[in-house]
Amino acid sequence: MTRNWVSPMIYTLIALAIFYVGVQLFTNTSGFLKSIVMMIGIAVLIYGAIYFFFIRQRVGSGGNSNEMKKYKQAVKQSKQKYKAPKPVKSTKTNPSTTKSTSLQKKKAKRKQPSHLRVIEGNKNNKKDRASF
């Protein structure tokens, strides 16, 4: 039963605060603006201190170190996998070497990753949904 009087009390306090801000804005504009700037400045200082002493240390350490280790390992594997060999510059180009490299590239593209597999199903026997 305590919730019945809490909600009107909060709305009353909010209405009084809005009324007070309006009165201050029209009667004492310079003092009101000074107090607003002071409140914003103090809020920025408090947030900066909390961030500097507490949040920065937690975020700066990488959050969960186990996840960071896994991420770094995945990046390392990805770099090794997609690392392109440096081309050797030669003055003479041999057409047989270019053909062999293009065949090797085609073979590499056709290779499917080991963790993926094709599930074969009966694709021709789809139900005609319009006949229902």
C-alpha atoms as a PDB file:
ATOM      1  CA  MET A   1       0.000   0.000   0.000  1.00  0.00           C
ATOM      2  CA  THR A   2       3.034   2.299   0.208  1.00  0.00           C
ATOM      3  CA  ARG A   3       3.144   2.642  -3.582  1.00  0.00           C
ATOM      4  CA  ASN A   4      -0.192   4.473  -3.604  1.00  0.00           C
ATOM      5  CA  TRP A   5       1.225   7.619  -2.013  1.00  0.00           C
ATOM      6  CA  VAL A   6       4.798   7.425  -3.436  1.00  0.00           C
ATOM      7  CA  SER A   7       3.819   8.132  -7.032  1.00  0.00           C
ATOM      8  CA  PRO A   8       1.819  11.334  -6.315  1.00  0.00           C
ATOM      9  CA  MET A   9       4.610  12.470  -3.976  1.00  0.00           C
ATOM     10  CA  ILE A  10       7.205  12.128  -6.745  1.00  0.00           C
ATOM     11  CA  TYR A  11       5.002  13.979  -9.231  1.00  0.00           C
ATOM     12  CA  THR A  12       4.455  16.762  -6.685  1.00  0.00           C
ATOM     13  CA  LEU A  13       8.211  17.133  -6.106  1.00  0.00           C
ATOM     14  CA  ILE A  14       8.877  17.244  -9.833  1.00  0.00           C
ATOM     15  CA  ALA A  15       6.175  19.879 -10.319  1.00  0.00           C
ATOM     16  CA  LEU A  16       7.595  22.009  -7.468  1.00  0.00           C
ATOM     17  CA  ALA A  17      11.093  21.726  -8.938  1.00  0.00           C
ATOM     18  CA  ILE A  18       9.868  22.857 -12.352  1.00  0.00           C
ATOM     19  CA  PHE A  19       7.987  25.735 -10.722  1.00  0.00           C
ATOM     20  CA  TYR A  20      11.101  26.781  -8.766  1.00  0.00           C
ATOM     21  CA  VAL A  21      13.272  26.661 -11.900  1.00  0.00           C
ATOM     22  CA  GLY A  22      10.765  28.837 -13.744  1.00  0.00           C
ATOM     23  CA  VAL A  23      10.615  31.366 -10.909  1.00  0.00           C
ATOM     24  CA  GLN A  24      14.423  31.516 -10.666  1.00  0.00           C
ATOM     25  CA  LEU A  25      14.742  31.895 -14.437  1.00  0.00           C
ATOM     26  CA  PHE A  26      12.473  34.945 -14.527  1.00  0.00           C
ATOM     27  CA  THR A  27      13.410  36.638 -11.234  1.00  0.00           C
ATOM     28  CA  ASN A  28      17.147  35.933 -10.902  1.00  0.00           C
ATOM     29  CA  THR A  29      18.419  34.990 -14.364  1.00  0.00           C
ATOM     30  CA  SER A  30      22.136  35.622 -13.776  1.00  0.00           C
ATOM     31  CA  GLY A  31      22.163  33.718 -10.489  1.00  0.00           C
ATOM     32  CA  PHE A  32      20.224  30.884 -12.098  1.00  0.00           C
ATOM     33  CA  LEU A  33      22.693  30.602 -14.984  1.00  0.00           C
ATOM     34  CA  LYS A  34      25.652  30.699 -12.570  1.00  0.00           C
ATOM     35  CA  SER A  35      24.158  27.896 -10.492  1.00  0.00           C
ATOM     36  CA  ILE A  36      23.464  25.810 -13.612  1.00  0.00           C
ATOM     37  CA  VAL A  37      27.069  26.240 -14.806  1.00  0.00           C
ATOM     38  CA  MET A  38      28.361  25.349 -11.321  1.00  0.00           C
ATOM     39  CA  MET A  39      26.213  22.192 -11.184  1.00  0.00           C
ATOM     40  CA  ILE A  40      27.384  21.077 -14.627  1.00  0.00           C
ATOM     41  CA  GLY A  41      31.022  21.761 -13.669  1.00  0.00           C
ATOM     42  CA  ILE A  42      30.755  19.810 -10.420  1.00  0.00           C
ATOM     43  CA  ALA A  43      29.037  16.908 -12.219  1.00  0.00           C
ATOM     44  CA  VAL A  44      31.843  16.817 -14.816  1.00  0.00           C
ATOM     45  CA  LEU A  45      34.498  16.834 -12.093  1.00  0.00           C
ATOM     46  CA  ILE A  46      32.807  14.028 -10.160  1.00  0.00           C
ATOM     47  CA  TYR A  47      32.341  11.930 -13.294  1.00  0.00           C
ATOM     48  CA  GLY A  48      35.966  12.548 -14.323  1.00  0.00           C
ATOM     49  CA  ALA A  49      37.233  11.465 -10.916  1.00  0.00           C
ATOM     50  CA  ILE A  50      35.095   8.318 -10.898  1.00  0.00           C
ATOM     51  CA  TYR A  51      36.208   7.460 -14.437  1.00  0.00           C
ATOM     52  CA  PHE A  52      39.884   8.136 -13.718  1.00  0.00           C
ATOM     53  CA  PHE A  53      40.058   6.102 -10.504  1.00  0.00           C
ATOM     54  CA  PHE A  54      37.609   3.248 -11.119  1.00  0.00           C
ATOM     55  CA  ILE A  55      36.327   2.773 -14.656  1.00  0.00           C
ATOM     56  CA  ARG A  56      39.575   3.414 -16.555  1.00  0.00           C
ATOM     57  CA  GLN A  57      41.443   0.705 -14.665  1.00  0.00           C
ATOM     58  CA  ARG A  58      38.752  -1.864 -15.366  1.00  0.00           C
ATOM     59  CA  VAL A  59      38.444  -0.995 -19.062  1.00  0.00           C
ATOM     60  CA  GLY A  60      42.173  -0.449 -19.552  1.00  0.00           C
ATOM     61  CA  SER A  61      43.024  -3.965 -18.422  1.00  0.00           C
ATOM     62  CA  GLY A  62      40.993  -5.326 -21.314  1.00  0.00           C
ATOM     63  CA  GLY A  63      37.855  -6.300 -19.473  1.00  0.00           C
ATOM     64  CA  ASN A  64      37.814 -10.059 -19.233  1.00  0.00           C
ATOM     65  CA  SER A  65      41.415 -11.150 -19.799  1.00  0.00           C
ATOM     66  CA  ASN A  66      40.378 -14.640 -20.913  1.00  0.00           C
ATOM     67  CA  GLU A  67      38.262 -13.197 -23.713  1.00  0.00           C
ATOM     68  CA  MET A  68      41.113 -10.879 -24.701  1.00  0.00           C
ATOM     69  CA  LYS A  69      43.513 -13.833 -24.946  1.00  0.00           C
ATOM     70  CA  LYS A  70      41.055 -15.685 -27.179  1.00  0.00           C
ATOM     71  CA  TYR A  71      40.614 -12.608 -29.353  1.00  0.00           C
ATOM     72  CA  LYS A  72      44.362 -12.104 -29.759  1.00  0.00           C
ATOM     73  CA  GLN A  73      44.807 -15.774 -30.644  1.00  0.00           C
ATOM     74  CA  ALA A  74      42.062 -15.518 -33.277  1.00  0.00           C
ATOM     75  CA  VAL A  75      43.688 -12.411 -34.775  1.00  0.00           C
ATOM     76  CA  LYS A  76      47.030 -14.191 -34.902  1.00  0.00           C
ATOM     77  CA  GLN A  77      45.514 -17.214 -36.640  1.00  0.00           C
ATOM     78  CA  SER A  78      43.673 -14.993 -39.109  1.00  0.00           C
ATOM     79  CA  LYS A  79      46.850 -13.132 -39.995  1.00  0.00           C
ATOM     80  CA  GLN A  80      48.694 -16.391 -40.534  1.00  0.00           C
ATOM     81  CA  LYS A  81      45.903 -17.779 -42.699  1.00  0.00           C
ATOM     82  CA  TYR A  82      45.477 -14.771 -44.964  1.00  0.00           C
ATOM     83  CA  LYS A  83      49.105 -13.686 -45.081  1.00  0.00           C
ATOM     84  CA  ALA A  84      50.049 -13.225 -48.717  1.00  0.00           C
ATOM     85  CA  PRO A  85      53.551 -14.305 -49.755  1.00  0.00           C
ATOM     86  CA  LYS A  86      55.713 -11.470 -50.975  1.00  0.00           C
ATOM     87  CA  PRO A  87      56.233 -11.633 -54.736  1.00  0.00           C
ATOM     88  CA  VAL A  88      59.791 -12.083 -55.923  1.00  0.00           C
ATOM     89  CA  LYS A  89      60.665  -9.523 -58.551  1.00  0.00           C
ATOM     90  CA  SER A  90      62.408 -10.903 -61.576  1.00  0.00           C
ATOM     91  CA  THR A  91      63.270  -9.303 -64.853  1.00  0.00           C
ATOM     92  CA  LYS A  92      62.053 -12.247 -66.937  1.00  0.00           C
ATOM     93  CA  THR A  93      58.512 -13.514 -66.664  1.00  0.00           C
ATOM     94  CA  ASN A  94      57.977 -17.132 -67.490  1.00  0.00           C
ATOM     95  CA  PRO A  95      54.439 -18.002 -68.704  1.00  0.00           C
ATOM     96  CA  SER A  96      54.633 -21.512 -67.242  1.00  0.00           C
ATOM     97  CA  THR A  97      55.118 -20.152 -63.702  1.00  0.00           C
ATOM     98  CA  THR A  98      52.120 -17.829 -64.016  1.00  0.00           C
ATOM     99  CA  LYS A  99      49.931 -20.730 -65.144  1.00  0.00           C
ATOM    100  CA  SER A 100      51.034 -22.906 -62.239  1.00  0.00           C
ATOM    101  CA  THR A 101      50.356 -20.159 -59.705  1.00  0.00           C
ATOM    102  CA  SER A 102      46.881 -19.564 -61.131  1.00  0.00           C
ATOM    103  CA  LEU A 103      46.141 -23.307 -60.874  1.00  0.00           C
ATOM    104  CA  GLN A 104      47.300 -23.266 -57.261  1.00  0.00           C
ATOM    105  CA  LYS A 105      45.014 -20.335 -56.501  1.00  0.00           C
ATOM    106  CA  LYS A 106      42.028 -22.133 -58.022  1.00  0.00           C
ATOM    107  CA  LYS A 107      42.761 -25.235 -55.970  1.00  0.00           C
ATOM    108  CA  ALA A 108      43.057 -23.149 -52.811  1.00  0.00           C
ATOM    109  CA  LYS A 109      39.704 -21.450 -53.453  1.00  0.00           C
ATOM    110  CA  ARG A 110      37.889 -24.759 -53.920  1.00  0.00           C
ATOM    111  CA  LYS A 111      39.031 -26.125 -50.591  1.00  0.00           C
ATOM    112  CA  GLN A 112      36.215 -25.894 -48.065  1.00  0.00           C
ATOM    113  CA  PRO A 113      36.884 -25.188 -44.413  1.00  0.00           C
ATOM    114  CA  SER A 114      36.898 -28.319 -42.293  1.00  0.00           C
ATOM    115  CA  HIS A 115      34.345 -26.973 -39.815  1.00  0.00           C
ATOM    116  CA  LEU A 116      31.693 -26.473 -42.518  1.00  0.00           C
ATOM    117  CA  ARG A 117      29.770 -29.295 -44.125  1.00  0.00           C
ATOM    118  CA  VAL A 118      27.019 -29.555 -46.686  1.00  0.00           C
ATOM    119  CA  ILE A 119      23.790 -31.153 -45.555  1.00  0.00           C
ATOM    120  CA  GLU A 120      22.156 -32.797 -48.519  1.00  0.00           C
ATOM    121  CA  GLY A 121      18.409 -32.989 -48.586  1.00  0.00           C
ATOM    122  CA  ASN A 122      15.598 -33.685 -50.951  1.00  0.00           C
ATOM    123  CA  LYS A 123      15.216 -30.273 -52.576  1.00  0.00           C
ATOM    124  CA  ASN A 124      12.801 -31.306 -55.329  1.00  0.00           C
ATOM    125  CA  ASN A 125       9.946 -32.354 -53.024  1.00  0.00           C
ATOM    126  CA  LYS A 126       8.975 -28.925 -51.712  1.00  0.00           C
ATOM    127  CA  LYS A 127       5.378 -28.532 -50.621  1.00  0.00           C
ATOM    128  CA  ASP A 128       3.219 -26.280 -52.717  1.00  0.00           C
ATOM    129  CA  ARG A 129       1.905 -23.856 -50.153  1.00  0.00           C
ATOM    130  CA  ALA A 130      -0.627 -22.339 -52.542  1.00  0.00           C
ATOM    131  CA  SER A 131      -2.605 -25.585 -52.702  1.00  0.00           C
ATOM    132  CA  PHE A 132      -3.527 -25.632 -48.998  1.00  0.00           C
END
